[in-house]
Amino acid sequence: MFMEQIHEIAPTYFVHGNHEHNLPKSVLSGFEEKVTNLENVHFLNNECVQIESHTGQTLSLIGLDDLSLQANILKTLADEAPDDFQILLAHEPQYLKDYYAETGVDLVFAGHVHGGQWRIPFTHQGLYGPDQGLFPKYSDGVYTEGGTTMYLSRGLGNSGFPVRLFNHPEIVCVTLETVSGDAS
Protein backbone atom coordinates (compact mmCIF):
# COMPACT_ATOMS: atom_id res chain seq x y z
CA MET A 1 0.00 0.00 0.00
CA PHE A 2 1.28 3.48 -0.92
CA MET A 3 0.83 4.90 2.59
CA GLU A 4 2.92 2.11 4.08
CA GLN A 5 5.87 3.56 2.15
CA ILE A 6 5.24 7.31 1.97
CA HIS A 7 4.84 7.82 5.73
CA GLU A 8 8.51 6.96 6.17
CA ILE A 9 9.48 10.00 4.07
CA ALA A 10 7.23 12.64 5.62
CA PRO A 11 4.10 13.10 7.74
CA THR A 12 1.12 12.06 5.64
CA TYR A 13 -2.42 13.45 5.83
CA PHE A 14 -5.43 12.14 3.96
CA VAL A 15 -9.16 12.58 3.56
CA HIS A 16 -11.76 10.23 2.17
CA GLY A 17 -13.16 10.54 -1.31
CA ASN A 18 -16.15 8.95 -2.95
CA HIS A 19 -14.42 5.61 -3.56
CA GLU A 20 -13.72 5.09 0.13
CA HIS A 21 -17.34 5.83 0.94
CA ASN A 22 -18.43 3.20 -1.58
CA LEU A 23 -16.53 0.48 0.28
CA PRO A 24 -18.36 -1.84 2.67
CA LYS A 25 -18.12 -0.44 6.21
CA SER A 26 -15.99 -3.36 7.42
CA VAL A 27 -13.45 -2.80 4.62
CA LEU A 28 -13.38 0.96 5.22
CA SER A 29 -12.90 0.49 8.97
CA GLY A 30 -10.07 -1.99 8.35
CA PHE A 31 -8.38 0.45 5.95
CA GLU A 32 -8.67 3.35 8.41
CA GLU A 33 -7.32 1.26 11.27
CA LYS A 34 -4.40 -0.02 9.22
CA VAL A 35 -3.22 3.37 7.97
CA THR A 36 -3.84 5.35 11.14
CA ASN A 37 -1.75 2.83 13.08
CA LEU A 38 1.20 3.84 10.91
CA GLU A 39 3.51 6.43 12.42
CA ASN A 40 3.15 9.87 10.77
CA VAL A 41 -0.18 9.07 9.05
CA HIS A 42 -3.17 11.23 9.93
CA PHE A 43 -6.74 10.83 8.72
CA LEU A 44 -8.55 14.18 8.75
CA ASN A 45 -12.31 13.80 8.95
CA ASN A 46 -13.73 17.33 9.16
CA GLU A 47 -10.78 18.43 11.23
CA CYS A 48 -8.31 21.26 11.38
CA VAL A 49 -4.79 20.66 12.68
CA GLN A 50 -2.00 23.17 13.16
CA ILE A 51 1.43 22.25 11.85
CA GLU A 52 4.56 24.17 12.71
CA SER A 53 7.00 24.61 9.84
CA HIS A 54 10.75 24.39 10.25
CA THR A 55 10.81 28.23 10.27
CA GLY A 56 8.37 28.35 13.20
CA GLN A 57 5.35 29.46 11.21
CA THR A 58 2.04 27.77 11.87
CA LEU A 59 0.02 26.34 9.00
CA SER A 60 -3.55 25.13 9.36
CA LEU A 61 -4.33 21.92 7.53
CA ILE A 62 -8.05 21.32 7.09
CA GLY A 63 -9.35 17.92 6.04
CA LEU A 64 -12.88 17.85 4.68
CA ASP A 65 -14.79 14.58 4.35
CA ASP A 66 -16.14 14.07 0.84
CA LEU A 67 -19.71 13.33 1.87
CA SER A 68 -20.16 16.17 4.30
CA LEU A 69 -19.34 19.18 2.17
CA GLN A 70 -21.35 21.93 3.70
CA ALA A 71 -20.33 25.57 3.82
CA ASN A 72 -20.93 25.77 7.56
CA ILE A 73 -18.56 22.86 8.35
CA LEU A 74 -15.76 24.32 6.24
CA LYS A 75 -16.32 27.82 7.65
CA THR A 76 -16.21 26.48 11.22
CA LEU A 77 -12.95 24.64 10.53
CA ALA A 78 -11.37 27.65 8.79
CA ASP A 79 -12.39 29.93 11.67
CA GLU A 80 -10.32 27.83 14.10
CA ALA A 81 -7.13 29.64 13.01
CA PRO A 82 -8.05 32.50 10.67
CA ASP A 83 -4.58 34.10 10.76
CA ASP A 84 -2.71 30.95 9.68
CA PHE A 85 -1.92 30.06 6.12
CA GLN A 86 -4.72 27.55 5.46
CA ILE A 87 -4.40 24.44 3.34
CA LEU A 88 -7.54 22.46 2.56
CA LEU A 89 -7.56 18.79 1.60
CA ALA A 90 -10.87 18.32 -0.20
CA HIS A 91 -11.69 15.58 -2.64
CA GLU A 92 -13.96 17.36 -5.11
CA PRO A 93 -12.75 20.36 -7.15
CA GLN A 94 -16.07 21.67 -8.44
CA TYR A 95 -16.70 23.52 -5.17
CA LEU A 96 -13.75 25.88 -5.63
CA LYS A 97 -15.84 28.98 -6.30
CA ASP A 98 -18.96 28.34 -4.22
CA TYR A 99 -17.35 26.96 -1.05
CA TYR A 100 -13.57 26.95 -0.90
CA ALA A 101 -12.88 30.50 -2.15
CA GLU A 102 -15.82 31.98 -0.25
CA THR A 103 -14.41 30.54 2.96
CA GLY A 104 -11.05 32.17 2.21
CA VAL A 105 -8.71 29.19 2.50
CA ASP A 106 -5.38 29.90 0.84
CA LEU A 107 -4.57 26.62 -0.89
CA VAL A 108 -6.67 23.60 -1.83
CA PHE A 109 -5.48 20.15 -2.88
CA ALA A 110 -8.17 18.12 -4.64
CA GLY A 111 -8.57 15.04 -6.81
CA HIS A 112 -11.73 13.15 -7.82
CA VAL A 113 -11.56 13.81 -11.57
CA HIS A 114 -8.48 11.64 -12.35
CA GLY A 115 -7.42 14.24 -14.92
CA GLY A 116 -10.58 13.62 -16.92
CA GLN A 117 -9.65 9.91 -17.09
CA TRP A 118 -9.29 10.20 -20.85
CA ARG A 119 -7.72 13.35 -22.26
CA ILE A 120 -7.97 14.98 -25.64
CA PRO A 121 -4.54 14.65 -27.30
CA PHE A 122 -2.40 17.80 -27.58
CA THR A 123 -4.71 19.79 -25.31
CA HIS A 124 -4.97 20.43 -21.59
CA GLN A 125 -8.56 19.16 -21.52
CA GLY A 126 -9.99 16.14 -19.76
CA LEU A 127 -12.82 14.42 -21.58
CA TYR A 128 -15.06 13.64 -18.61
CA GLY A 129 -15.18 14.68 -14.97
CA PRO A 130 -17.38 13.05 -12.34
CA ASP A 131 -20.06 15.50 -11.20
CA GLN A 132 -19.00 17.84 -14.04
CA GLY A 133 -19.80 15.82 -17.15
CA LEU A 134 -18.13 16.15 -20.54
CA PHE A 135 -15.24 18.61 -20.91
CA PRO A 136 -15.04 19.46 -17.21
CA LYS A 137 -14.08 22.96 -16.12
CA TYR A 138 -11.70 21.41 -13.59
CA SER A 139 -9.66 18.41 -14.74
CA ASP A 140 -6.10 18.95 -13.52
CA GLY A 141 -3.59 21.63 -12.70
CA VAL A 142 -3.78 25.02 -11.00
CA TYR A 143 -6.95 27.09 -10.68
CA THR A 144 -7.40 30.39 -8.87
CA GLU A 145 -10.58 31.94 -7.55
CA GLY A 146 -10.18 35.16 -5.58
CA GLY A 147 -7.42 34.61 -3.03
CA THR A 148 -7.71 30.81 -3.17
CA THR A 149 -5.47 28.62 -5.31
CA MET A 150 -6.40 25.01 -5.98
CA TYR A 151 -4.13 22.28 -7.28
CA LEU A 152 -6.14 19.47 -8.82
CA SER A 153 -4.08 16.30 -9.10
CA ARG A 154 -4.63 13.60 -11.71
CA GLY A 155 -3.55 11.16 -8.99
CA LEU A 156 -2.38 7.61 -9.40
CA GLY A 157 -5.57 5.57 -9.71
CA ASN A 158 -8.29 4.87 -12.20
CA SER A 159 -12.02 5.09 -11.95
CA GLY A 160 -14.81 3.24 -13.70
CA PHE A 161 -13.23 1.94 -16.89
CA PRO A 162 -9.69 1.23 -15.62
CA VAL A 163 -7.73 2.80 -18.48
CA ARG A 164 -6.11 6.21 -18.75
CA LEU A 165 -5.77 7.56 -22.27
CA PHE A 166 -3.32 10.46 -22.90
CA ASN A 167 -3.46 10.97 -19.14
CA HIS A 168 -0.35 10.13 -17.13
CA PRO A 169 -0.69 9.50 -13.38
CA GLU A 170 1.05 11.99 -11.13
CA ILE A 171 2.30 12.62 -7.62
CA VAL A 172 2.39 16.33 -6.82
CA CYS A 173 5.29 17.85 -4.87
CA VAL A 174 4.83 21.41 -3.64
CA THR A 175 7.26 23.66 -1.81
CA LEU A 176 5.66 26.45 0.18
CA GLU A 177 7.67 29.62 0.69
CA THR A 178 7.06 32.68 2.79
CA VAL A 179 6.92 36.08 1.14
CA SER A 180 10.51 36.67 2.23
CA GLY A 181 11.56 33.49 0.38
CA ASP A 182 12.17 31.20 3.36
CA ALA A 183 10.66 27.75 2.81
CA SER A 184 7.85 26.99 5.21
C-alpha atoms as a PDB file:
ATOM      1  CA  MET A   1       0.000   0.000   0.000  1.00  0.00           C
ATOM      2  CA  PHE A   2       1.277   3.477  -0.919  1.00  0.00           C
ATOM      3  CA  MET A   3       0.830   4.903   2.594  1.00  0.00           C
ATOM      4  CA  GLU A   4       2.925   2.111   4.083  1.00  0.00           C
ATOM      5  CA  GLN A   5       5.869   3.562   2.155  1.00  0.00           C
ATOM      6  CA  ILE A   6       5.239   7.311   1.969  1.00  0.00           C
ATOM      7  CA  HIS A   7       4.838   7.818   5.726  1.00  0.00           C
ATOM      8  CA  GLU A   8       8.514   6.957   6.171  1.00  0.00           C
ATOM      9  CA  ILE A   9       9.478   9.997   4.074  1.00  0.00           C
ATOM     10  CA  ALA A  10       7.232  12.636   5.621  1.00  0.00           C
ATOM     11  CA  PRO A  11       4.102  13.101   7.737  1.00  0.00           C
ATOM     12  CA  THR A  12       1.117  12.062   5.638  1.00  0.00           C
ATOM     13  CA  TYR A  13      -2.420  13.453   5.834  1.00  0.00           C
ATOM     14  CA  PHE A  14      -5.434  12.143   3.956  1.00  0.00           C
ATOM     15  CA  VAL A  15      -9.164  12.577   3.556  1.00  0.00           C
ATOM     16  CA  HIS A  16     -11.764  10.230   2.172  1.00  0.00           C
ATOM     17  CA  GLY A  17     -13.156  10.537  -1.315  1.00  0.00           C
ATOM     18  CA  ASN A  18     -16.153   8.952  -2.949  1.00  0.00           C
ATOM     19  CA  HIS A  19     -14.421   5.611  -3.564  1.00  0.00           C
ATOM     20  CA  GLU A  20     -13.724   5.094   0.127  1.00  0.00           C
ATOM     21  CA  HIS A  21     -17.344   5.827   0.940  1.00  0.00           C
ATOM     22  CA  ASN A  22     -18.434   3.203  -1.581  1.00  0.00           C
ATOM     23  CA  LEU A  23     -16.528   0.483   0.277  1.00  0.00           C
ATOM     24  CA  PRO A  24     -18.357  -1.842   2.666  1.00  0.00           C
ATOM     25  CA  LYS A  25     -18.115  -0.435   6.207  1.00  0.00           C
ATOM     26  CA  SER A  26     -15.989  -3.357   7.421  1.00  0.00           C
ATOM     27  CA  VAL A  27     -13.450  -2.798   4.618  1.00  0.00           C
ATOM     28  CA  LEU A  28     -13.381   0.962   5.218  1.00  0.00           C
ATOM     29  CA  SER A  29     -12.898   0.493   8.975  1.00  0.00           C
ATOM     30  CA  GLY A  30     -10.075  -1.985   8.349  1.00  0.00           C
ATOM     31  CA  PHE A  31      -8.376   0.449   5.953  1.00  0.00           C
ATOM     32  CA  GLU A  32      -8.667   3.347   8.412  1.00  0.00           C
ATOM     33  CA  GLU A  33      -7.318   1.256  11.265  1.00  0.00           C
ATOM     34  CA  LYS A  34      -4.395  -0.022   9.215  1.00  0.00           C
ATOM     35  CA  VAL A  35      -3.225   3.371   7.966  1.00  0.00           C
ATOM     36  CA  THR A  36      -3.838   5.352  11.136  1.00  0.00           C
ATOM     37  CA  ASN A  37      -1.752   2.830  13.079  1.00  0.00           C
ATOM     38  CA  LEU A  38       1.204   3.838  10.914  1.00  0.00           C
ATOM     39  CA  GLU A  39       3.511   6.427  12.424  1.00  0.00           C
ATOM     40  CA  ASN A  40       3.154   9.866  10.769  1.00  0.00           C
ATOM     41  CA  VAL A  41      -0.176   9.068   9.054  1.00  0.00           C
ATOM     42  CA  HIS A  42      -3.166  11.232   9.928  1.00  0.00           C
ATOM     43  CA  PHE A  43      -6.740  10.826   8.725  1.00  0.00           C
ATOM     44  CA  LEU A  44      -8.550  14.183   8.752  1.00  0.00           C
ATOM     45  CA  ASN A  45     -12.311  13.800   8.951  1.00  0.00           C
ATOM     46  CA  ASN A  46     -13.735  17.329   9.157  1.00  0.00           C
ATOM     47  CA  GLU A  47     -10.783  18.427  11.234  1.00  0.00           C
ATOM     48  CA  CYS A  48      -8.305  21.265  11.378  1.00  0.00           C
ATOM     49  CA  VAL A  49      -4.787  20.662  12.683  1.00  0.00           C
ATOM     50  CA  GLN A  50      -2.002  23.172  13.161  1.00  0.00           C
ATOM     51  CA  ILE A  51       1.427  22.254  11.847  1.00  0.00           C
ATOM     52  CA  GLU A  52       4.558  24.167  12.705  1.00  0.00           C
ATOM     53  CA  SER A  53       6.999  24.610   9.839  1.00  0.00           C
ATOM     54  CA  HIS A  54      10.754  24.389  10.249  1.00  0.00           C
ATOM     55  CA  THR A  55      10.806  28.230  10.273  1.00  0.00           C
ATOM     56  CA  GLY A  56       8.374  28.347  13.204  1.00  0.00           C
ATOM     57  CA  GLN A  57       5.350  29.459  11.210  1.00  0.00           C
ATOM     58  CA  THR A  58       2.042  27.775  11.867  1.00  0.00           C
ATOM     59  CA  LEU A  59       0.019  26.344   9.004  1.00  0.00           C
ATOM     60  CA  SER A  60      -3.554  25.134   9.357  1.00  0.00           C
ATOM     61  CA  LEU A  61      -4.326  21.923   7.529  1.00  0.00           C
ATOM     62  CA  ILE A  62      -8.047  21.320   7.095  1.00  0.00           C
ATOM     63  CA  GLY A  63      -9.345  17.917   6.040  1.00  0.00           C
ATOM     64  CA  LEU A  64     -12.878  17.852   4.676  1.00  0.00           C
ATOM     65  CA  ASP A  65     -14.794  14.581   4.346  1.00  0.00           C
ATOM     66  CA  ASP A  66     -16.136  14.067   0.839  1.00  0.00           C
ATOM     67  CA  LEU A  67     -19.715  13.325   1.870  1.00  0.00           C
ATOM     68  CA  SER A  68     -20.161  16.168   4.301  1.00  0.00           C
ATOM     69  CA  LEU A  69     -19.338  19.181   2.167  1.00  0.00           C
ATOM     70  CA  GLN A  70     -21.354  21.933   3.700  1.00  0.00           C
ATOM     71  CA  ALA A  71     -20.328  25.567   3.816  1.00  0.00           C
ATOM     72  CA  ASN A  72     -20.926  25.773   7.563  1.00  0.00           C
ATOM     73  CA  ILE A  73     -18.556  22.864   8.353  1.00  0.00           C
ATOM     74  CA  LEU A  74     -15.764  24.322   6.238  1.00  0.00           C
ATOM     75  CA  LYS A  75     -16.322  27.822   7.649  1.00  0.00           C
ATOM     76  CA  THR A  76     -16.212  26.480  11.223  1.00  0.00           C
ATOM     77  CA  LEU A  77     -12.955  24.642  10.534  1.00  0.00           C
ATOM     78  CA  ALA A  78     -11.374  27.646   8.793  1.00  0.00           C
ATOM     79  CA  ASP A  79     -12.390  29.926  11.671  1.00  0.00           C
ATOM     80  CA  GLU A  80     -10.317  27.831  14.104  1.00  0.00           C
ATOM     81  CA  ALA A  81      -7.135  29.637  13.010  1.00  0.00           C
ATOM     82  CA  PRO A  82      -8.046  32.500  10.670  1.00  0.00           C
ATOM     83  CA  ASP A  83      -4.583  34.095  10.758  1.00  0.00           C
ATOM     84  CA  ASP A  84      -2.708  30.953   9.685  1.00  0.00           C
ATOM     85  CA  PHE A  85      -1.921  30.059   6.116  1.00  0.00           C
ATOM     86  CA  GLN A  86      -4.718  27.553   5.464  1.00  0.00           C
ATOM     87  CA  ILE A  87      -4.396  24.437   3.343  1.00  0.00           C
ATOM     88  CA  LEU A  88      -7.543  22.463   2.561  1.00  0.00           C
ATOM     89  CA  LEU A  89      -7.561  18.791   1.598  1.00  0.00           C
ATOM     90  CA  ALA A  90     -10.869  18.321  -0.197  1.00  0.00           C
ATOM     91  CA  HIS A  91     -11.686  15.580  -2.640  1.00  0.00           C
ATOM     92  CA  GLU A  92     -13.965  17.356  -5.114  1.00  0.00           C
ATOM     93  CA  PRO A  93     -12.753  20.357  -7.155  1.00  0.00           C
ATOM     94  CA  GLN A  94     -16.069  21.675  -8.443  1.00  0.00           C
ATOM     95  CA  TYR A  95     -16.702  23.515  -5.170  1.00  0.00           C
ATOM     96  CA  LEU A  96     -13.753  25.884  -5.630  1.00  0.00           C
ATOM     97  CA  LYS A  97     -15.845  28.981  -6.295  1.00  0.00           C
ATOM     98  CA  ASP A  98     -18.957  28.341  -4.223  1.00  0.00           C
ATOM     99  CA  TYR A  99     -17.350  26.963  -1.047  1.00  0.00           C
ATOM    100  CA  TYR A 100     -13.573  26.952  -0.902  1.00  0.00           C
ATOM    101  CA  ALA A 101     -12.880  30.495  -2.153  1.00  0.00           C
ATOM    102  CA  GLU A 102     -15.823  31.977  -0.251  1.00  0.00           C
ATOM    103  CA  THR A 103     -14.405  30.543   2.965  1.00  0.00           C
ATOM    104  CA  GLY A 104     -11.054  32.168   2.215  1.00  0.00           C
ATOM    105  CA  VAL A 105      -8.705  29.193   2.505  1.00  0.00           C
ATOM    106  CA  ASP A 106      -5.381  29.898   0.838  1.00  0.00           C
ATOM    107  CA  LEU A 107      -4.570  26.619  -0.886  1.00  0.00           C
ATOM    108  CA  VAL A 108      -6.672  23.596  -1.826  1.00  0.00           C
ATOM    109  CA  PHE A 109      -5.480  20.153  -2.875  1.00  0.00           C
ATOM    110  CA  ALA A 110      -8.173  18.123  -4.637  1.00  0.00           C
ATOM    111  CA  GLY A 111      -8.570  15.040  -6.813  1.00  0.00           C
ATOM    112  CA  HIS A 112     -11.733  13.145  -7.819  1.00  0.00           C
ATOM    113  CA  VAL A 113     -11.558  13.807 -11.571  1.00  0.00           C
ATOM    114  CA  HIS A 114      -8.483  11.642 -12.352  1.00  0.00           C
ATOM    115  CA  GLY A 115      -7.418  14.241 -14.918  1.00  0.00           C
ATOM    116  CA  GLY A 116     -10.584  13.622 -16.916  1.00  0.00           C
ATOM    117  CA  GLN A 117      -9.648   9.907 -17.088  1.00  0.00           C
ATOM    118  CA  TRP A 118      -9.286  10.202 -20.848  1.00  0.00           C
ATOM    119  CA  ARG A 119      -7.721  13.355 -22.257  1.00  0.00           C
ATOM    120  CA  ILE A 120      -7.975  14.981 -25.641  1.00  0.00           C
ATOM    121  CA  PRO A 121      -4.542  14.650 -27.298  1.00  0.00           C
ATOM    122  CA  PHE A 122      -2.403  17.803 -27.582  1.00  0.00           C
ATOM    123  CA  THR A 123      -4.709  19.795 -25.309  1.00  0.00           C
ATOM    124  CA  HIS A 124      -4.974  20.428 -21.595  1.00  0.00           C
ATOM    125  CA  GLN A 125      -8.561  19.157 -21.524  1.00  0.00           C
ATOM    126  CA  GLY A 126      -9.992  16.144 -19.763  1.00  0.00           C
ATOM    127  CA  LEU A 127     -12.823  14.416 -21.578  1.00  0.00           C
ATOM    128  CA  TYR A 128     -15.065  13.636 -18.611  1.00  0.00           C
ATOM    129  CA  GLY A 129     -15.177  14.680 -14.968  1.00  0.00           C
ATOM    130  CA  PRO A 130     -17.380  13.045 -12.339  1.00  0.00           C
ATOM    131  CA  ASP A 131     -20.057  15.496 -11.200  1.00  0.00           C
ATOM    132  CA  GLN A 132     -19.001  17.843 -14.038  1.00  0.00           C
ATOM    133  CA  GLY A 133     -19.803  15.816 -17.149  1.00  0.00           C
ATOM    134  CA  LEU A 134     -18.128  16.149 -20.535  1.00  0.00           C
ATOM    135  CA  PHE A 135     -15.245  18.608 -20.911  1.00  0.00           C
ATOM    136  CA  PRO A 136     -15.040  19.462 -17.206  1.00  0.00           C
ATOM    137  CA  LYS A 137     -14.083  22.958 -16.123  1.00  0.00           C
ATOM    138  CA  TYR A 138     -11.702  21.407 -13.591  1.00  0.00           C
ATOM    139  CA  SER A 139      -9.662  18.407 -14.743  1.00  0.00           C
ATOM    140  CA  ASP A 140      -6.098  18.954 -13.515  1.00  0.00           C
ATOM    141  CA  GLY A 141      -3.586  21.630 -12.702  1.00  0.00           C
ATOM    142  CA  VAL A 142      -3.777  25.016 -10.996  1.00  0.00           C
ATOM    143  CA  TYR A 143      -6.951  27.090 -10.679  1.00  0.00           C
ATOM    144  CA  THR A 144      -7.401  30.391  -8.867  1.00  0.00           C
ATOM    145  CA  GLU A 145     -10.577  31.941  -7.551  1.00  0.00           C
ATOM    146  CA  GLY A 146     -10.179  35.163  -5.576  1.00  0.00           C
ATOM    147  CA  GLY A 147      -7.416  34.608  -3.029  1.00  0.00           C
ATOM    148  CA  THR A 148      -7.710  30.810  -3.166  1.00  0.00           C
ATOM    149  CA  THR A 149      -5.471  28.620  -5.311  1.00  0.00           C
ATOM    150  CA  MET A 150      -6.402  25.006  -5.984  1.00  0.00           C
ATOM    151  CA  TYR A 151      -4.134  22.279  -7.284  1.00  0.00           C
ATOM    152  CA  LEU A 152      -6.139  19.469  -8.823  1.00  0.00           C
ATOM    153  CA  SER A 153      -4.084  16.302  -9.098  1.00  0.00           C
ATOM    154  CA  ARG A 154      -4.632  13.599 -11.707  1.00  0.00           C
ATOM    155  CA  GLY A 155      -3.550  11.156  -8.992  1.00  0.00           C
ATOM    156  CA  LEU A 156      -2.380   7.605  -9.404  1.00  0.00           C
ATOM    157  CA  GLY A 157      -5.570   5.567  -9.708  1.00  0.00           C
ATOM    158  CA  ASN A 158      -8.290   4.866 -12.198  1.00  0.00           C
ATOM    159  CA  SER A 159     -12.025   5.092 -11.948  1.00  0.00           C
ATOM    160  CA  GLY A 160     -14.810   3.237 -13.700  1.00  0.00           C
ATOM    161  CA  PHE A 161     -13.229   1.942 -16.888  1.00  0.00           C
ATOM    162  CA  PRO A 162      -9.689   1.231 -15.624  1.00  0.00           C
ATOM    163  CA  VAL A 163      -7.733   2.799 -18.479  1.00  0.00           C
ATOM    164  CA  ARG A 164      -6.105   6.210 -18.752  1.00  0.00           C
ATOM    165  CA  LEU A 165      -5.771   7.563 -22.268  1.00  0.00           C
ATOM    166  CA  PHE A 166      -3.324  10.458 -22.904  1.00  0.00           C
ATOM    167  CA  ASN A 167      -3.457  10.968 -19.140  1.00  0.00           C
ATOM    168  CA  HIS A 168      -0.349  10.133 -17.132  1.00  0.00           C
ATOM    169  CA  PRO A 169      -0.691   9.500 -13.376  1.00  0.00           C
ATOM    170  CA  GLU A 170       1.046  11.990 -11.126  1.00  0.00           C
ATOM    171  CA  ILE A 171       2.302  12.625  -7.623  1.00  0.00           C
ATOM    172  CA  VAL A 172       2.394  16.331  -6.816  1.00  0.00           C
ATOM    173  CA  CYS A 173       5.287  17.853  -4.868  1.00  0.00           C
ATOM    174  CA  VAL A 174       4.829  21.415  -3.645  1.00  0.00           C
ATOM    175  CA  THR A 175       7.260  23.661  -1.809  1.00  0.00           C
ATOM    176  CA  LEU A 176       5.663  26.450   0.185  1.00  0.00           C
ATOM    177  CA  GLU A 177       7.671  29.618   0.687  1.00  0.00           C
ATOM    178  CA  THR A 178       7.061  32.682   2.791  1.00  0.00           C
ATOM    179  CA  VAL A 179       6.919  36.075   1.136  1.00  0.00           C
ATOM    180  CA  SER A 180      10.514  36.673   2.225  1.00  0.00           C
ATOM    181  CA  GLY A 181      11.562  33.493   0.376  1.00  0.00           C
ATOM    182  CA  ASP A 182      12.173  31.203   3.359  1.00  0.00           C
ATOM    183  CA  ALA A 183      10.662  27.753   2.807  1.00  0.00           C
ATOM    184  CA  SER A 184       7.849  26.989   5.209  1.00  0.00           C
END
